[in-house]
């Protein structure tokens, strides 16, 4: 299942049961987490170096 947000595909790959939730719900959760500052960008090593 291809989505416009590659994070959704990665989430489905990590836990296929989340396909039962649907991409719209996951998109809403990602948007809320991003707005709350819970999602960071870059690799783990880049975040540690910051």
PDB file of N, CA and C in Angstrom:
ATOM      1  N   UNK A   1       0.845  -1.184   0.000  1.00  0.00           N
ATOM      2  CA  UNK A   1       0.000   0.000   0.000  1.00  0.00           C
ATOM      3  C   UNK A   1       0.886   1.241   0.000  1.00  0.00           C
ATOM      4  N   UNK A   2       0.818   2.013  -1.040  1.00  0.00           N
ATOM      5  CA  UNK A   2       1.629   3.215  -1.194  1.00  0.00           C
ATOM      6  C   UNK A   2       0.842   4.423  -0.692  1.00  0.00           C
ATOM      7  N   UNK A   3       1.481   5.238   0.117  1.00  0.00           N
ATOM      8  CA  UNK A   3       0.846   6.434   0.659  1.00  0.00           C
ATOM      9  C   UNK A   3       1.690   7.650   0.304  1.00  0.00           C
ATOM     10  N   UNK A   4       1.098   8.837   0.413  1.00  0.00           N
ATOM     11  CA  UNK A   4       1.839  10.049   0.106  1.00  0.00           C
ATOM     12  C   UNK A   4       2.871  10.356   1.181  1.00  0.00           C
ATOM     13  N   UNK A   5       2.687   9.844   2.389  1.00  0.00           N
ATOM     14  CA  UNK A   5       3.631  10.057   3.482  1.00  0.00           C
ATOM     15  C   UNK A   5       4.418   8.763   3.697  1.00  0.00           C
ATOM     16  N   UNK A   6       5.708   8.768   3.393  1.00  0.00           N
ATOM     17  CA  UNK A   6       6.488   7.538   3.522  1.00  0.00           C
ATOM     18  C   UNK A   6       6.549   7.009   4.949  1.00  0.00           C
ATOM     19  N   UNK A   7       6.262   7.861   5.934  1.00  0.00           N
ATOM     20  CA  UNK A   7       6.248   7.395   7.321  1.00  0.00           C
ATOM     21  C   UNK A   7       5.137   6.376   7.541  1.00  0.00           C
ATOM     22  N   UNK A   8       4.028   6.533   6.826  1.00  0.00           N
ATOM     23  CA  UNK A   8       2.923   5.589   6.973  1.00  0.00           C
ATOM     24  C   UNK A   8       3.342   4.214   6.473  1.00  0.00           C
ATOM     25  N   UNK A   9       4.015   4.168   5.331  1.00  0.00           N
ATOM     26  CA  UNK A   9       4.511   2.887   4.819  1.00  0.00           C
ATOM     27  C   UNK A   9       5.484   2.252   5.806  1.00  0.00           C
ATOM     28  N   UNK A  10       6.337   3.068   6.411  1.00  0.00           N
ATOM     29  CA  UNK A  10       7.290   2.547   7.401  1.00  0.00           C
ATOM     30  C   UNK A  10       6.567   2.013   8.633  1.00  0.00           C
ATOM     31  N   UNK A  11       5.504   2.687   9.046  1.00  0.00           N
ATOM     32  CA  UNK A  11       4.712   2.219  10.193  1.00  0.00           C
ATOM     33  C   UNK A  11       4.046   0.892   9.861  1.00  0.00           C
ATOM     34  N   UNK A  12       3.478   0.794   8.673  1.00  0.00           N
ATOM     35  CA  UNK A  12       2.845  -0.461   8.265  1.00  0.00           C
ATOM     36  C   UNK A  12       3.859  -1.591   8.165  1.00  0.00           C
ATOM     37  N   UNK A  13       5.056  -1.264   7.711  1.00  0.00           N
ATOM     38  CA  UNK A  13       6.095  -2.283   7.607  1.00  0.00           C
ATOM     39  C   UNK A  13       6.521  -2.758   8.997  1.00  0.00           C
ATOM     40  N   UNK A  14       6.598  -1.829   9.935  1.00  0.00           N
ATOM     41  CA  UNK A  14       7.000  -2.184  11.299  1.00  0.00           C
ATOM     42  C   UNK A  14       5.927  -3.004  12.009  1.00  0.00           C
ATOM     43  N   UNK A  15       4.658  -2.692  11.752  1.00  0.00           N
ATOM     44  CA  UNK A  15       3.567  -3.415  12.407  1.00  0.00           C
ATOM     45  C   UNK A  15       2.384  -3.511  11.444  1.00  0.00           C
ATOM     46  N   UNK A  16       2.314  -4.594  10.677  1.00  0.00           N
ATOM     47  CA  UNK A  16       1.258  -4.743   9.673  1.00  0.00           C
ATOM     48  C   UNK A  16      -0.164  -4.679  10.247  1.00  0.00           C
ATOM     49  N   UNK A  17      -0.348  -4.995  11.514  1.00  0.00           N
ATOM     50  CA  UNK A  17      -1.688  -4.919  12.096  1.00  0.00           C
ATOM     51  C   UNK A  17      -2.234  -3.497  12.118  1.00  0.00           C
ATOM     52  N   UNK A  18      -1.353  -2.513  12.054  1.00  0.00           N
ATOM     53  CA  UNK A  18      -1.815  -1.121  12.039  1.00  0.00           C
ATOM     54  C   UNK A  18      -2.537  -0.771  10.751  1.00  0.00           C
ATOM     55  N   UNK A  19      -2.462  -1.649   9.733  1.00  0.00           N
ATOM     56  CA  UNK A  19      -3.244  -1.412   8.515  1.00  0.00           C
ATOM     57  C   UNK A  19      -4.731  -1.425   8.823  1.00  0.00           C
ATOM     58  N   UNK A  20      -5.109  -2.066   9.925  1.00  0.00           N
ATOM     59  CA  UNK A  20      -6.511  -2.071  10.338  1.00  0.00           C
ATOM     60  C   UNK A  20      -6.977  -0.688  10.773  1.00  0.00           C
ATOM     61  N   UNK A  21      -6.035   0.144  11.205  1.00  0.00           N
ATOM     62  CA  UNK A  21      -6.369   1.495  11.657  1.00  0.00           C
ATOM     63  C   UNK A  21      -6.668   2.399  10.475  1.00  0.00           C
ATOM     64  N   UNK A  22      -5.894   2.266   9.423  1.00  0.00           N
ATOM     65  CA  UNK A  22      -6.105   3.080   8.234  1.00  0.00           C
ATOM     66  C   UNK A  22      -5.175   4.276   8.181  1.00  0.00           C
ATOM     67  N   UNK A  23      -4.798   4.683   6.968  1.00  0.00           N
ATOM     68  CA  UNK A  23      -3.834   5.765   6.808  1.00  0.00           C
ATOM     69  C   UNK A  23      -4.335   7.126   7.278  1.00  0.00           C
ATOM     70  N   UNK A  24      -5.637   7.366   7.199  1.00  0.00           N
ATOM     71  CA  UNK A  24      -6.172   8.665   7.644  1.00  0.00           C
ATOM     72  C   UNK A  24      -5.948   8.883   9.130  1.00  0.00           C
ATOM     73  N   UNK A  25      -6.199   7.854   9.917  1.00  0.00           N
ATOM     74  CA  UNK A  25      -5.995   7.949  11.362  1.00  0.00           C
ATOM     75  C   UNK A  25      -4.521   8.122  11.683  1.00  0.00           C
ATOM     76  N   UNK A  26      -3.668   7.366  11.010  1.00  0.00           N
ATOM     77  CA  UNK A  26      -2.232   7.473  11.260  1.00  0.00           C
ATOM     78  C   UNK A  26      -1.736   8.858  10.858  1.00  0.00           C
ATOM     79  N   UNK A  27      -2.229   9.390   9.754  1.00  0.00           N
ATOM     80  CA  UNK A  27      -1.850  10.745   9.334  1.00  0.00           C
ATOM     81  C   UNK A  27      -2.249  11.754  10.398  1.00  0.00           C
ATOM     82  N   UNK A  28      -3.453  11.628  10.948  1.00  0.00           N
ATOM     83  CA  UNK A  28      -3.907  12.534  11.999  1.00  0.00           C
ATOM     84  C   UNK A  28      -3.004  12.450  13.231  1.00  0.00           C
ATOM     85  N   UNK A  29      -2.604  11.240  13.603  1.00  0.00           N
ATOM     86  CA  UNK A  29      -1.719  11.049  14.753  1.00  0.00           C
ATOM     87  C   UNK A  29      -0.352  11.664  14.467  1.00  0.00           C
ATOM     88  N   UNK A  30       0.190  11.441  13.259  1.00  0.00           N
ATOM     89  CA  UNK A  30       1.483  12.020  12.902  1.00  0.00           C
ATOM     90  C   UNK A  30       1.434  13.548  12.930  1.00  0.00           C
ATOM     91  N   UNK A  31       0.360  14.134  12.420  1.00  0.00           N
ATOM     92  CA  UNK A  31       0.223  15.593  12.419  1.00  0.00           C
ATOM     93  C   UNK A  31       0.168  16.133  13.843  1.00  0.00           C
ATOM     94  N   UNK A  32      -0.595  15.463  14.708  1.00  0.00           N
ATOM     95  CA  UNK A  32      -0.700  15.910  16.098  1.00  0.00           C
ATOM     96  C   UNK A  32       0.640  15.775  16.821  1.00  0.00           C
ATOM     97  N   UNK A  33       1.334  14.674  16.593  1.00  0.00           N
ATOM     98  CA  UNK A  33       2.637  14.464  17.233  1.00  0.00           C
ATOM     99  C   UNK A  33       3.653  15.484  16.735  1.00  0.00           C
ATOM    100  N   UNK A  34       3.608  15.798  15.455  1.00  0.00           N
ATOM    101  CA  UNK A  34       4.513  16.802  14.894  1.00  0.00           C
ATOM    102  C   UNK A  34       4.222  18.174  15.494  1.00  0.00           C
ATOM    103  N   UNK A  35       2.954  18.528  15.589  1.00  0.00           N
ATOM    104  CA  UNK A  35       2.558  19.818  16.150  1.00  0.00           C
ATOM    105  C   UNK A  35       2.969  19.932  17.618  1.00  0.00           C
ATOM    106  N   UNK A  36       2.930  18.816  18.335  1.00  0.00           N
ATOM    107  CA  UNK A  36       3.298  18.805  19.753  1.00  0.00           C
ATOM    108  C   UNK A  36       4.815  18.753  19.950  1.00  0.00           C
ATOM    109  N   UNK A  37       5.564  18.649  18.854  1.00  0.00           N
ATOM    110  CA  UNK A  37       7.018  18.602  18.950  1.00  0.00           C
ATOM    111  C   UNK A  37       7.564  17.236  19.315  1.00  0.00           C
ATOM    112  N   UNK A  38       6.767  16.196  19.128  1.00  0.00           N
ATOM    113  CA  UNK A  38       7.185  14.844  19.479  1.00  0.00           C
ATOM    114  C   UNK A  38       7.946  14.142  18.372  1.00  0.00           C
ATOM    115  N   UNK A  39       7.913  14.716  17.168  1.00  0.00           N
ATOM    116  CA  UNK A  39       8.598  14.111  16.032  1.00  0.00           C
ATOM    117  C   UNK A  39       9.785  14.991  15.678  1.00  0.00           C
ATOM    118  N   UNK A  40      10.957  14.384  15.624  1.00  0.00           N
ATOM    119  CA  UNK A  40      12.151  15.108  15.249  1.00  0.00           C
ATOM    120  C   UNK A  40      12.626  14.626  13.889  1.00  0.00           C
ATOM    121  N   UNK A  41      13.436  15.430  13.246  1.00  0.00           N
ATOM    122  CA  UNK A  41      13.970  15.048  11.946  1.00  0.00           C
ATOM    123  C   UNK A  41      15.431  14.654  12.087  1.00  0.00           C
ATOM    124  N   UNK A  42      15.954  14.037  11.077  1.00  0.00           N
ATOM    125  CA  UNK A  42      17.343  13.623  11.073  1.00  0.00           C
ATOM    126  C   UNK A  42      17.514  12.220  11.638  1.00  0.00           C
ATOM    127  N   UNK A  43      18.722  11.728  11.536  1.00  0.00           N
ATOM    128  CA  UNK A  43      19.019  10.402  12.042  1.00  0.00           C
ATOM    129  C   UNK A  43      19.305  10.471  13.539  1.00  0.00           C
ATOM    130  N   UNK A  44      19.320   9.333  14.189  1.00  0.00           N
ATOM    131  CA  UNK A  44      19.600   9.311  15.625  1.00  0.00           C
ATOM    132  C   UNK A  44      20.963   9.918  15.925  1.00  0.00           C
ATOM    133  N   UNK A  45      21.967   9.633  15.093  1.00  0.00           N
ATOM    134  CA  UNK A  45      23.289  10.204  15.350  1.00  0.00           C
ATOM    135  C   UNK A  45      23.305  11.710  15.151  1.00  0.00           C
ATOM    136  N   UNK A  46      22.507  12.203  14.201  1.00  0.00           N
ATOM    137  CA  UNK A  46      22.409  13.653  14.019  1.00  0.00           C
ATOM    138  C   UNK A  46      21.743  14.312  15.222  1.00  0.00           C
ATOM    139  N   UNK A  47      20.732  13.663  15.776  1.00  0.00           N
ATOM    140  CA  UNK A  47      20.055  14.232  16.945  1.00  0.00           C
ATOM    141  C   UNK A  47      20.981  14.229  18.164  1.00  0.00           C
ATOM    142  N   UNK A  48      21.781  13.169  18.343  1.00  0.00           N
ATOM    143  CA  UNK A  48      22.711  13.113  19.470  1.00  0.00           C
ATOM    144  C   UNK A  48      23.766  14.196  19.341  1.00  0.00           C
ATOM    145  N   UNK A  49      24.181  14.506  18.120  1.00  0.00           N
ATOM    146  CA  UNK A  49      25.230  15.499  17.899  1.00  0.00           C
ATOM    147  C   UNK A  49      24.722  16.915  18.122  1.00  0.00           C
ATOM    148  N   UNK A  50      23.421  17.117  18.017  1.00  0.00           N
ATOM    149  CA  UNK A  50      22.839  18.469  18.139  1.00  0.00           C
ATOM    150  C   UNK A  50      22.851  18.984  19.566  1.00  0.00           C
TER     151      UNK A  50
END
